[in-house]
N, C-alpha and C. Protein backbone atom coordinates (compact mmCIF):
# COMPACT_ATOMS: atom_id res chain seq x y z
N MET A 1 126.38 98.56 49.58
CA MET A 1 127.18 98.95 50.75
C MET A 1 126.34 98.90 52.03
N GLU A 2 125.11 99.41 51.96
CA GLU A 2 124.29 99.49 53.18
C GLU A 2 123.94 98.11 53.71
N LYS A 3 123.60 97.17 52.82
CA LYS A 3 123.26 95.81 53.26
C LYS A 3 124.47 95.14 53.88
N VAL A 4 125.64 95.38 53.29
CA VAL A 4 126.87 94.79 53.84
C VAL A 4 127.16 95.38 55.21
N LEU A 5 126.99 96.69 55.36
CA LEU A 5 127.20 97.32 56.66
C LEU A 5 126.23 96.77 57.70
N GLN A 6 124.95 96.68 57.33
CA GLN A 6 123.95 96.17 58.26
C GLN A 6 124.28 94.74 58.69
N ALA A 7 124.62 93.92 57.73
CA ALA A 7 124.93 92.52 58.05
C ALA A 7 126.12 92.43 58.99
N GLY A 8 127.18 93.19 58.71
CA GLY A 8 128.35 93.16 59.57
C GLY A 8 128.07 93.67 60.97
N VAL A 9 127.30 94.75 61.07
CA VAL A 9 126.93 95.29 62.37
C VAL A 9 126.14 94.26 63.17
N ALA A 10 125.18 93.60 62.52
CA ALA A 10 124.36 92.61 63.21
C ALA A 10 125.19 91.44 63.70
N VAL A 11 126.10 90.96 62.87
CA VAL A 11 126.94 89.83 63.26
C VAL A 11 127.87 90.23 64.40
N TYR A 12 128.45 91.43 64.32
CA TYR A 12 129.29 91.94 65.41
C TYR A 12 128.49 92.04 66.70
N ASN A 13 127.30 92.65 66.63
CA ASN A 13 126.49 92.84 67.84
C ASN A 13 126.04 91.52 68.45
N ALA A 14 126.03 90.46 67.63
CA ALA A 14 125.70 89.13 68.16
C ALA A 14 126.91 88.47 68.82
N GLY A 15 128.05 89.17 68.83
CA GLY A 15 129.25 88.65 69.47
C GLY A 15 130.17 87.86 68.58
N GLU A 16 129.83 87.79 67.27
CA GLU A 16 130.66 87.03 66.33
C GLU A 16 131.64 87.99 65.65
N HIS A 17 132.65 88.41 66.40
CA HIS A 17 133.54 89.46 65.92
C HIS A 17 134.37 89.02 64.72
N HIS A 18 134.83 87.78 64.73
CA HIS A 18 135.62 87.30 63.59
C HIS A 18 134.75 87.23 62.33
N ALA A 19 133.53 86.77 62.48
CA ALA A 19 132.63 86.66 61.32
C ALA A 19 132.27 88.04 60.78
N ALA A 20 132.17 89.06 61.64
CA ALA A 20 131.87 90.41 61.16
C ALA A 20 132.96 90.87 60.19
N HIS A 21 134.19 90.54 60.50
CA HIS A 21 135.32 90.83 59.59
C HIS A 21 135.06 90.20 58.23
N ASP A 22 134.59 88.94 58.21
CA ASP A 22 134.35 88.25 56.95
C ASP A 22 133.22 88.89 56.15
N VAL A 23 132.22 89.46 56.84
CA VAL A 23 131.12 90.14 56.14
C VAL A 23 131.66 91.29 55.31
N TRP A 24 132.55 92.07 55.90
CA TRP A 24 133.01 93.31 55.26
C TRP A 24 134.17 93.11 54.31
N GLU A 25 134.92 92.04 54.46
CA GLU A 25 136.19 91.92 53.74
C GLU A 25 136.03 91.92 52.22
N GLU A 26 135.07 91.16 51.70
CA GLU A 26 134.93 91.07 50.24
C GLU A 26 134.64 92.43 49.63
N ARG A 27 133.72 93.18 50.26
CA ARG A 27 133.40 94.52 49.74
C ARG A 27 134.59 95.45 49.88
N TRP A 28 135.30 95.36 50.99
CA TRP A 28 136.47 96.21 51.22
C TRP A 28 137.52 95.99 50.13
N LEU A 29 137.77 94.75 49.76
CA LEU A 29 138.79 94.44 48.76
C LEU A 29 138.45 94.99 47.39
N GLU A 30 137.17 95.28 47.15
CA GLU A 30 136.74 95.82 45.86
C GLU A 30 136.97 97.33 45.76
N LEU A 31 137.20 98.00 46.89
CA LEU A 31 137.27 99.46 46.91
C LEU A 31 138.68 99.96 46.67
N GLU A 32 138.76 101.16 46.09
CA GLU A 32 140.06 101.78 45.85
C GLU A 32 140.67 102.20 47.18
N SER A 33 141.93 101.87 47.36
CA SER A 33 142.62 102.17 48.61
C SER A 33 142.65 103.67 48.87
N GLY A 34 142.36 104.05 50.12
CA GLY A 34 142.44 105.44 50.53
C GLY A 34 141.15 106.22 50.40
N THR A 35 140.13 105.66 49.72
CA THR A 35 138.85 106.35 49.65
C THR A 35 138.17 106.28 51.02
N ASP A 36 137.21 107.18 51.25
CA ASP A 36 136.54 107.19 52.55
C ASP A 36 135.82 105.87 52.82
N ASP A 37 135.17 105.31 51.80
CA ASP A 37 134.47 104.04 52.01
C ASP A 37 135.46 102.92 52.35
N GLU A 38 136.61 102.91 51.67
CA GLU A 38 137.62 101.90 51.95
C GLU A 38 138.16 102.06 53.36
N ARG A 39 138.40 103.30 53.78
CA ARG A 39 138.90 103.55 55.13
C ARG A 39 137.88 103.14 56.19
N LEU A 40 136.60 103.39 55.91
CA LEU A 40 135.55 102.98 56.85
C LEU A 40 135.59 101.48 57.07
N LEU A 41 135.53 100.71 55.97
CA LEU A 41 135.50 99.25 56.12
C LEU A 41 136.81 98.73 56.68
N HIS A 42 137.94 99.31 56.25
CA HIS A 42 139.24 98.88 56.78
C HIS A 42 139.30 99.12 58.28
N GLY A 43 138.82 100.29 58.71
CA GLY A 43 138.82 100.60 60.13
C GLY A 43 137.90 99.70 60.93
N LEU A 44 136.71 99.42 60.40
CA LEU A 44 135.78 98.54 61.10
C LEU A 44 136.32 97.11 61.19
N ILE A 45 136.95 96.65 60.11
CA ILE A 45 137.55 95.32 60.10
C ILE A 45 138.62 95.23 61.19
N GLN A 46 139.47 96.24 61.27
CA GLN A 46 140.53 96.21 62.27
C GLN A 46 139.97 96.41 63.68
N PHE A 47 138.90 97.18 63.80
CA PHE A 47 138.23 97.33 65.10
C PHE A 47 137.74 95.98 65.61
N THR A 48 137.03 95.23 64.75
CA THR A 48 136.51 93.93 65.19
C THR A 48 137.66 92.96 65.48
N ALA A 49 138.73 93.06 64.70
CA ALA A 49 139.88 92.19 64.95
C ALA A 49 140.54 92.55 66.28
N ALA A 50 140.62 93.84 66.60
CA ALA A 50 141.20 94.26 67.88
C ALA A 50 140.37 93.71 69.04
N VAL A 51 139.06 93.78 68.92
CA VAL A 51 138.18 93.23 69.96
C VAL A 51 138.38 91.72 70.09
N HIS A 52 138.46 91.05 68.95
CA HIS A 52 138.67 89.60 68.94
C HIS A 52 139.97 89.24 69.66
N HIS A 53 141.05 89.94 69.34
CA HIS A 53 142.34 89.63 69.97
C HIS A 53 142.32 89.95 71.46
N ALA A 54 141.66 91.04 71.83
CA ALA A 54 141.58 91.38 73.25
C ALA A 54 140.80 90.31 74.02
N ARG A 55 139.72 89.83 73.43
CA ARG A 55 138.94 88.77 74.08
C ARG A 55 139.77 87.50 74.27
N ASN A 56 140.74 87.30 73.39
CA ASN A 56 141.61 86.13 73.49
C ASN A 56 142.93 86.45 74.20
N ARG A 57 142.97 87.62 74.87
CA ARG A 57 144.10 88.03 75.70
C ARG A 57 145.39 88.17 74.90
N ASN A 58 145.28 88.47 73.62
CA ASN A 58 146.44 88.80 72.81
C ASN A 58 146.60 90.32 72.87
N TRP A 59 147.23 90.78 73.94
CA TRP A 59 147.28 92.22 74.22
C TRP A 59 148.07 92.98 73.15
N VAL A 60 149.16 92.41 72.68
CA VAL A 60 149.96 93.10 71.66
C VAL A 60 149.17 93.25 70.37
N GLY A 61 148.53 92.17 69.94
CA GLY A 61 147.71 92.25 68.73
C GLY A 61 146.57 93.22 68.88
N ALA A 62 145.94 93.23 70.06
CA ALA A 62 144.80 94.12 70.29
C ALA A 62 145.21 95.58 70.24
N THR A 63 146.31 95.93 70.89
CA THR A 63 146.72 97.33 70.92
C THR A 63 147.18 97.80 69.54
N GLY A 64 147.93 96.96 68.82
CA GLY A 64 148.38 97.34 67.49
C GLY A 64 147.23 97.58 66.54
N LEU A 65 146.24 96.69 66.57
CA LEU A 65 145.09 96.84 65.69
C LEU A 65 144.21 98.02 66.11
N ALA A 66 144.10 98.25 67.41
CA ALA A 66 143.31 99.39 67.88
C ALA A 66 143.91 100.70 67.38
N GLU A 67 145.23 100.79 67.43
CA GLU A 67 145.89 102.01 66.96
C GLU A 67 145.72 102.20 65.46
N SER A 68 145.90 101.14 64.68
CA SER A 68 145.77 101.29 63.22
C SER A 68 144.32 101.52 62.82
N ALA A 69 143.36 100.89 63.53
CA ALA A 69 141.94 101.13 63.24
C ALA A 69 141.59 102.60 63.45
N ARG A 70 142.12 103.20 64.53
CA ARG A 70 141.88 104.62 64.78
C ARG A 70 142.40 105.48 63.63
N GLU A 71 143.56 105.11 63.10
CA GLU A 71 144.13 105.88 61.99
C GLU A 71 143.25 105.82 60.75
N TYR A 72 142.69 104.63 60.45
CA TYR A 72 141.83 104.51 59.28
C TYR A 72 140.54 105.30 59.45
N LEU A 73 140.01 105.35 60.67
CA LEU A 73 138.73 106.02 60.90
C LEU A 73 138.89 107.51 61.15
N GLU A 74 140.11 107.95 61.40
CA GLU A 74 140.36 109.36 61.69
C GLU A 74 139.95 110.24 60.50
N GLY A 75 139.24 111.30 60.81
CA GLY A 75 138.86 112.26 59.78
C GLY A 75 137.53 111.96 59.10
N LEU A 76 137.00 110.77 59.29
CA LEU A 76 135.69 110.47 58.71
C LEU A 76 134.60 111.16 59.53
N PRO A 77 133.46 111.47 58.91
CA PRO A 77 132.38 112.12 59.66
C PRO A 77 131.94 111.28 60.86
N GLU A 78 131.39 111.94 61.86
CA GLU A 78 130.96 111.23 63.07
C GLU A 78 129.91 110.16 62.75
N ASP A 79 129.09 110.43 61.74
CA ASP A 79 128.09 109.47 61.30
C ASP A 79 128.31 109.25 59.82
N TYR A 80 128.95 108.13 59.48
CA TYR A 80 129.31 107.89 58.08
C TYR A 80 128.64 106.62 57.60
N HIS A 81 127.90 106.74 56.50
CA HIS A 81 127.08 105.62 56.00
C HIS A 81 126.20 105.06 57.12
N GLY A 82 125.77 105.95 58.02
CA GLY A 82 124.88 105.52 59.09
C GLY A 82 125.57 104.91 60.29
N ILE A 83 126.89 104.71 60.24
CA ILE A 83 127.62 104.13 61.35
C ILE A 83 128.08 105.24 62.29
N ALA A 84 127.69 105.17 63.55
CA ALA A 84 128.13 106.14 64.55
C ALA A 84 129.57 105.81 64.94
N LEU A 85 130.51 106.67 64.53
CA LEU A 85 131.93 106.36 64.71
C LEU A 85 132.52 106.89 66.01
N ALA A 86 131.88 107.87 66.65
CA ALA A 86 132.46 108.43 67.88
C ALA A 86 132.64 107.35 68.96
N PRO A 87 131.64 106.50 69.23
CA PRO A 87 131.86 105.46 70.24
C PRO A 87 132.95 104.47 69.85
N VAL A 88 133.06 104.19 68.56
CA VAL A 88 134.10 103.26 68.08
C VAL A 88 135.48 103.85 68.31
N ARG A 89 135.66 105.10 67.90
CA ARG A 89 136.96 105.76 68.06
C ARG A 89 137.32 105.90 69.54
N GLY A 90 136.33 106.23 70.36
CA GLY A 90 136.59 106.36 71.79
C GLY A 90 137.02 105.05 72.41
N TYR A 91 136.35 103.98 72.01
CA TYR A 91 136.72 102.67 72.57
C TYR A 91 138.09 102.24 72.09
N LEU A 92 138.39 102.50 70.83
CA LEU A 92 139.70 102.14 70.29
C LEU A 92 140.82 102.86 71.03
N ALA A 93 140.60 104.14 71.38
CA ALA A 93 141.61 104.88 72.13
C ALA A 93 141.85 104.23 73.48
N GLY A 94 140.76 103.85 74.15
CA GLY A 94 140.90 103.19 75.44
C GLY A 94 141.54 101.83 75.34
N LEU A 95 141.20 101.09 74.28
CA LEU A 95 141.74 99.75 74.10
C LEU A 95 143.23 99.80 73.79
N ALA A 96 143.64 100.79 73.01
CA ALA A 96 145.06 100.94 72.69
C ALA A 96 145.87 101.24 73.95
N ALA A 97 145.28 102.02 74.88
CA ALA A 97 145.98 102.37 76.11
C ALA A 97 145.93 101.24 77.14
N ASP A 98 144.83 100.47 77.15
CA ASP A 98 144.65 99.44 78.17
C ASP A 98 143.79 98.31 77.60
N PRO A 99 144.38 97.36 76.89
CA PRO A 99 143.58 96.30 76.27
C PRO A 99 142.85 95.41 77.27
N GLU A 100 143.33 95.38 78.51
CA GLU A 100 142.68 94.54 79.52
C GLU A 100 141.33 95.11 79.97
N ARG A 101 141.00 96.31 79.50
CA ARG A 101 139.70 96.88 79.84
C ARG A 101 138.56 96.00 79.35
N ILE A 102 138.82 95.18 78.33
CA ILE A 102 137.76 94.33 77.79
C ILE A 102 137.30 93.31 78.81
N GLU A 103 138.14 93.01 79.79
CA GLU A 103 137.77 92.07 80.84
C GLU A 103 136.94 92.74 81.94
N ARG A 104 136.83 94.06 81.86
CA ARG A 104 136.04 94.80 82.86
C ARG A 104 134.71 95.28 82.30
N GLY A 105 134.49 95.04 81.02
CA GLY A 105 133.23 95.46 80.42
C GLY A 105 133.19 95.14 78.94
N SER A 106 132.00 95.05 78.41
CA SER A 106 131.83 94.69 77.00
C SER A 106 132.18 95.85 76.09
N PRO A 107 132.66 95.55 74.87
CA PRO A 107 132.89 96.62 73.89
C PRO A 107 131.56 97.22 73.47
N PRO A 108 131.57 98.40 72.86
CA PRO A 108 130.31 99.05 72.50
C PRO A 108 129.58 98.31 71.39
N MET A 109 128.27 98.41 71.44
CA MET A 109 127.47 97.94 70.32
C MET A 109 127.68 98.89 69.14
N LEU A 110 127.62 98.35 67.93
CA LEU A 110 127.64 99.20 66.74
C LEU A 110 126.21 99.56 66.36
N THR A 111 126.05 100.74 65.80
CA THR A 111 124.72 101.14 65.33
C THR A 111 124.78 101.51 63.86
N HIS A 112 123.67 101.27 63.19
CA HIS A 112 123.51 101.69 61.80
C HIS A 112 122.19 102.44 61.70
N ALA A 113 122.26 103.68 61.24
CA ALA A 113 121.07 104.55 61.16
C ALA A 113 120.42 104.67 62.54
N GLY A 114 121.25 104.73 63.58
CA GLY A 114 120.75 104.93 64.94
C GLY A 114 120.23 103.69 65.62
N VAL A 115 120.35 102.53 64.97
CA VAL A 115 119.82 101.28 65.53
C VAL A 115 120.95 100.30 65.78
N ALA A 116 120.97 99.70 66.96
CA ALA A 116 121.93 98.64 67.26
C ALA A 116 121.41 97.36 66.60
N VAL A 117 121.70 97.21 65.31
CA VAL A 117 121.12 96.15 64.48
C VAL A 117 121.53 94.78 65.02
N THR A 118 120.57 93.86 65.06
CA THR A 118 120.82 92.48 65.44
C THR A 118 120.43 91.57 64.27
N PRO A 119 120.80 90.30 64.31
CA PRO A 119 120.41 89.40 63.21
C PRO A 119 118.91 89.37 62.95
N GLU A 120 118.11 89.56 63.99
CA GLU A 120 116.65 89.55 63.81
C GLU A 120 116.15 90.73 62.99
N ASP A 121 116.96 91.78 62.88
CA ASP A 121 116.56 92.98 62.14
C ASP A 121 116.87 92.90 60.64
N LEU A 122 117.63 91.90 60.22
CA LEU A 122 118.09 91.84 58.84
C LEU A 122 117.02 91.35 57.89
N ASP A 123 116.97 91.95 56.70
CA ASP A 123 116.10 91.42 55.67
C ASP A 123 116.78 90.23 55.00
N ALA A 124 116.14 89.67 53.99
CA ALA A 124 116.65 88.43 53.40
C ALA A 124 118.04 88.59 52.80
N GLU A 125 118.25 89.64 52.00
CA GLU A 125 119.55 89.79 51.34
C GLU A 125 120.68 90.01 52.34
N ALA A 126 120.43 90.81 53.36
CA ALA A 126 121.45 91.01 54.39
C ALA A 126 121.68 89.72 55.17
N THR A 127 120.62 88.94 55.37
CA THR A 127 120.76 87.65 56.05
C THR A 127 121.60 86.70 55.23
N PHE A 128 121.41 86.69 53.90
CA PHE A 128 122.23 85.82 53.04
C PHE A 128 123.72 86.21 53.16
N THR A 129 123.99 87.52 53.20
CA THR A 129 125.36 87.99 53.35
C THR A 129 125.95 87.53 54.67
N ALA A 130 125.17 87.66 55.74
CA ALA A 130 125.63 87.23 57.06
C ALA A 130 125.85 85.72 57.10
N ALA A 131 124.98 84.96 56.44
CA ALA A 131 125.09 83.50 56.45
C ALA A 131 126.40 83.06 55.79
N ARG A 132 126.76 83.68 54.68
CA ARG A 132 128.02 83.32 54.02
C ARG A 132 129.21 83.58 54.93
N ALA A 133 129.19 84.72 55.62
CA ALA A 133 130.31 85.05 56.51
C ALA A 133 130.38 84.09 57.70
N LEU A 134 129.25 83.75 58.27
CA LEU A 134 129.24 82.82 59.40
C LEU A 134 129.72 81.44 58.95
N ALA A 135 129.33 81.05 57.74
CA ALA A 135 129.78 79.75 57.22
C ALA A 135 131.29 79.72 57.10
N GLU A 136 131.87 80.82 56.60
CA GLU A 136 133.32 80.88 56.45
C GLU A 136 134.01 80.89 57.81
N ALA A 137 133.45 81.67 58.75
CA ALA A 137 134.08 81.78 60.07
C ALA A 137 134.06 80.46 60.83
N PHE A 138 133.01 79.66 60.62
CA PHE A 138 132.88 78.42 61.37
C PHE A 138 133.25 77.18 60.55
N GLY A 139 133.83 77.40 59.37
CA GLY A 139 134.30 76.27 58.57
C GLY A 139 133.20 75.39 58.02
N LEU A 140 132.03 75.98 57.76
CA LEU A 140 130.94 75.20 57.17
C LEU A 140 131.20 75.01 55.68
N ASP A 141 130.55 74.03 55.10
CA ASP A 141 130.75 73.71 53.69
C ASP A 141 130.24 74.84 52.81
N ASP A 142 131.15 75.51 52.10
CA ASP A 142 130.78 76.65 51.26
C ASP A 142 129.77 76.28 50.19
N GLU A 143 129.96 75.10 49.58
CA GLU A 143 129.05 74.69 48.51
C GLU A 143 127.64 74.46 49.05
N VAL A 144 127.55 73.82 50.20
CA VAL A 144 126.24 73.56 50.80
C VAL A 144 125.54 74.88 51.13
N ILE A 145 126.25 75.79 51.78
CA ILE A 145 125.65 77.06 52.16
C ILE A 145 125.28 77.87 50.91
N GLY A 146 126.16 77.85 49.92
CA GLY A 146 125.85 78.57 48.68
C GLY A 146 124.60 78.05 48.00
N ARG A 147 124.48 76.72 47.92
CA ARG A 147 123.28 76.14 47.30
C ARG A 147 122.04 76.43 48.15
N ALA A 148 122.18 76.34 49.48
CA ALA A 148 121.04 76.62 50.35
C ALA A 148 120.55 78.05 50.15
N ILE A 149 121.48 78.99 50.03
CA ILE A 149 121.10 80.38 49.81
C ILE A 149 120.45 80.54 48.43
N GLY A 150 120.96 79.84 47.43
CA GLY A 150 120.34 79.88 46.11
C GLY A 150 118.91 79.38 46.14
N TYR A 151 118.68 78.26 46.81
CA TYR A 151 117.32 77.71 46.93
C TYR A 151 116.43 78.66 47.74
N ALA A 152 117.01 79.27 48.79
CA ALA A 152 116.25 80.21 49.61
C ALA A 152 115.84 81.43 48.79
N ARG A 153 116.73 81.88 47.92
CA ARG A 153 116.41 83.03 47.07
C ARG A 153 115.27 82.69 46.10
N GLU A 154 115.27 81.46 45.58
CA GLU A 154 114.17 81.01 44.72
C GLU A 154 112.85 81.05 45.48
N GLU A 155 112.86 80.55 46.73
CA GLU A 155 111.64 80.56 47.54
C GLU A 155 111.19 81.99 47.81
N LEU A 156 112.14 82.89 48.06
CA LEU A 156 111.81 84.28 48.32
C LEU A 156 111.11 84.90 47.12
N GLU A 157 111.61 84.61 45.92
CA GLU A 157 111.02 85.18 44.71
C GLU A 157 109.68 84.56 44.37
N GLU A 158 109.51 83.27 44.69
CA GLU A 158 108.27 82.57 44.32
C GLU A 158 107.13 82.84 45.29
N SER A 159 107.41 82.75 46.58
CA SER A 159 106.31 82.87 47.55
C SER A 159 106.66 83.65 48.81
N GLY A 160 107.95 83.93 49.00
CA GLY A 160 108.36 84.64 50.21
C GLY A 160 108.53 83.77 51.42
N ARG A 161 108.40 82.45 51.23
CA ARG A 161 108.60 81.54 52.36
C ARG A 161 108.98 80.16 51.83
N GLY A 162 109.50 79.33 52.72
CA GLY A 162 109.91 77.98 52.35
C GLY A 162 110.93 77.45 53.32
N PRO A 163 111.22 76.15 53.28
CA PRO A 163 112.13 75.55 54.25
C PRO A 163 113.56 76.05 54.17
N PHE A 164 114.06 76.26 52.96
CA PHE A 164 115.44 76.76 52.85
C PHE A 164 115.54 78.18 53.39
N LEU A 165 114.57 79.01 53.07
CA LEU A 165 114.56 80.38 53.56
C LEU A 165 114.53 80.40 55.09
N ALA A 166 113.68 79.57 55.68
CA ALA A 166 113.58 79.51 57.14
C ALA A 166 114.88 79.04 57.77
N LEU A 167 115.50 78.03 57.18
CA LEU A 167 116.73 77.49 57.76
C LEU A 167 117.90 78.46 57.63
N VAL A 168 117.99 79.18 56.52
CA VAL A 168 119.07 80.17 56.38
C VAL A 168 118.89 81.29 57.40
N PHE A 169 117.66 81.73 57.61
CA PHE A 169 117.41 82.72 58.66
C PHE A 169 117.80 82.16 60.03
N ASP A 170 117.44 80.91 60.30
CA ASP A 170 117.79 80.30 61.58
C ASP A 170 119.30 80.17 61.76
N LEU A 171 120.01 79.90 60.67
CA LEU A 171 121.47 79.78 60.74
C LEU A 171 122.08 81.07 61.27
N VAL A 172 121.53 82.20 60.86
CA VAL A 172 122.06 83.50 61.29
C VAL A 172 121.54 83.89 62.67
N ARG A 173 120.30 83.56 62.95
CA ARG A 173 119.66 84.07 64.17
C ARG A 173 119.79 83.15 65.38
N GLU A 174 119.85 81.85 65.15
CA GLU A 174 119.80 80.89 66.26
C GLU A 174 121.19 80.37 66.60
N GLU A 175 121.95 81.16 67.32
CA GLU A 175 123.33 80.79 67.66
C GLU A 175 123.38 79.47 68.42
N ARG A 176 122.49 79.27 69.36
CA ARG A 176 122.53 78.07 70.20
C ARG A 176 122.23 76.80 69.42
N HIS A 177 121.50 76.94 68.31
CA HIS A 177 121.08 75.75 67.55
C HIS A 177 121.76 75.70 66.18
N ARG A 178 122.86 76.42 66.02
CA ARG A 178 123.49 76.52 64.71
C ARG A 178 123.96 75.17 64.18
N GLY A 179 124.46 74.31 65.06
CA GLY A 179 124.90 72.98 64.63
C GLY A 179 123.75 72.17 64.07
N LEU A 180 122.61 72.18 64.77
CA LEU A 180 121.42 71.45 64.31
C LEU A 180 120.91 72.02 63.00
N VAL A 181 120.85 73.35 62.91
CA VAL A 181 120.38 73.99 61.69
C VAL A 181 121.29 73.63 60.52
N THR A 182 122.59 73.61 60.76
CA THR A 182 123.54 73.26 59.70
C THR A 182 123.30 71.84 59.19
N ARG A 183 123.09 70.91 60.11
CA ARG A 183 122.82 69.52 59.70
C ARG A 183 121.54 69.43 58.87
N ARG A 184 120.52 70.15 59.27
CA ARG A 184 119.25 70.12 58.52
C ARG A 184 119.43 70.73 57.13
N LEU A 185 120.21 71.79 57.05
CA LEU A 185 120.49 72.38 55.74
C LEU A 185 121.24 71.40 54.85
N GLU A 186 122.24 70.74 55.42
CA GLU A 186 123.02 69.75 54.65
C GLU A 186 122.11 68.64 54.13
N GLU A 187 121.21 68.16 54.97
CA GLU A 187 120.30 67.09 54.57
C GLU A 187 119.35 67.55 53.46
N ARG A 188 118.80 68.76 53.62
CA ARG A 188 117.86 69.27 52.61
C ARG A 188 118.56 69.54 51.28
N VAL A 189 119.77 70.10 51.35
CA VAL A 189 120.51 70.35 50.11
C VAL A 189 120.83 69.03 49.42
N ALA A 190 121.23 68.02 50.19
CA ALA A 190 121.56 66.71 49.60
C ALA A 190 120.33 66.11 48.92
N ARG A 191 119.17 66.19 49.56
CA ARG A 191 117.94 65.64 48.95
C ARG A 191 117.57 66.41 47.70
N ARG A 192 117.68 67.73 47.75
CA ARG A 192 117.35 68.55 46.58
C ARG A 192 118.30 68.24 45.42
N ARG A 193 119.58 68.13 45.71
CA ARG A 193 120.56 67.81 44.67
C ARG A 193 120.30 66.43 44.09
N SER A 194 119.89 65.48 44.91
CA SER A 194 119.60 64.13 44.44
C SER A 194 118.43 64.15 43.45
N ARG A 195 117.39 64.92 43.79
CA ARG A 195 116.25 65.02 42.88
C ARG A 195 116.64 65.71 41.58
N GLU A 196 117.48 66.73 41.68
CA GLU A 196 117.92 67.44 40.48
C GLU A 196 118.71 66.52 39.56
N ARG A 197 119.60 65.71 40.16
CA ARG A 197 120.39 64.79 39.34
C ARG A 197 119.53 63.72 38.70
N ASP A 198 118.42 63.34 39.38
CA ASP A 198 117.54 62.32 38.83
C ASP A 198 116.89 62.74 37.51
N VAL A 199 116.69 64.04 37.34
CA VAL A 199 116.01 64.51 36.14
C VAL A 199 116.95 65.13 35.12
N GLU A 200 118.22 65.29 35.51
CA GLU A 200 119.17 65.86 34.57
C GLU A 200 119.33 64.97 33.35
N GLY A 201 119.19 65.54 32.18
CA GLY A 201 119.39 64.79 30.94
C GLY A 201 118.21 64.00 30.46
N LEU A 202 117.08 64.02 31.20
CA LEU A 202 115.93 63.20 30.79
C LEU A 202 115.38 63.64 29.43
N PHE A 203 115.49 64.91 29.13
CA PHE A 203 114.89 65.40 27.89
C PHE A 203 115.95 65.76 26.85
N ASP A 204 117.18 65.34 27.11
CA ASP A 204 118.21 65.54 26.09
C ASP A 204 117.97 64.56 24.92
N PRO A 205 118.24 64.99 23.70
CA PRO A 205 118.07 64.06 22.57
C PRO A 205 119.02 62.89 22.69
N GLY A 206 118.57 61.71 22.33
CA GLY A 206 119.41 60.51 22.37
C GLY A 206 120.50 60.57 21.32
N GLU A 207 121.54 59.81 21.58
CA GLU A 207 122.65 59.78 20.62
C GLU A 207 122.28 58.93 19.41
């Protein structure tokens, strides 16, 4: 739960509000409806969606989601799983009353354990979670990203460094160069898969 929260907070704070929703959604769907953890993630998902719609001037969508997000977060502790909820609830109240306020100032940063987490703060596992969500949000090839993360995890276990690990971190951290990083990942995954296919079956017994 904590790694998922950190990853979502970092992606949200980087301005990728739609992708933050994708970080939390899979974990949210696993939770029993109505539990405090489910309400937290449900509320955060709707909060980020409300911000997304307000930024796109969908005032009706923004106000409706702001109101429902407040309902999900109502009654939870002010600091739940390390997320400071008072600023979120306060902003949601203002957004529900006046969604155009987003054009007069930025929405609040989210914090986890008192820190406004950014992509640079994430460890490897949280970065892998964020990378999958960004790939989904931007329509990147799921298979390529999945294989790249698998290879990166192998590098992490073997030596703690390597080209796949570096590129997956760059995918999450380097917004301006994400297209270039994606192309390099695609090329490296293709070369790695080609080498793997070259040796597949070499030691299988002959018919």
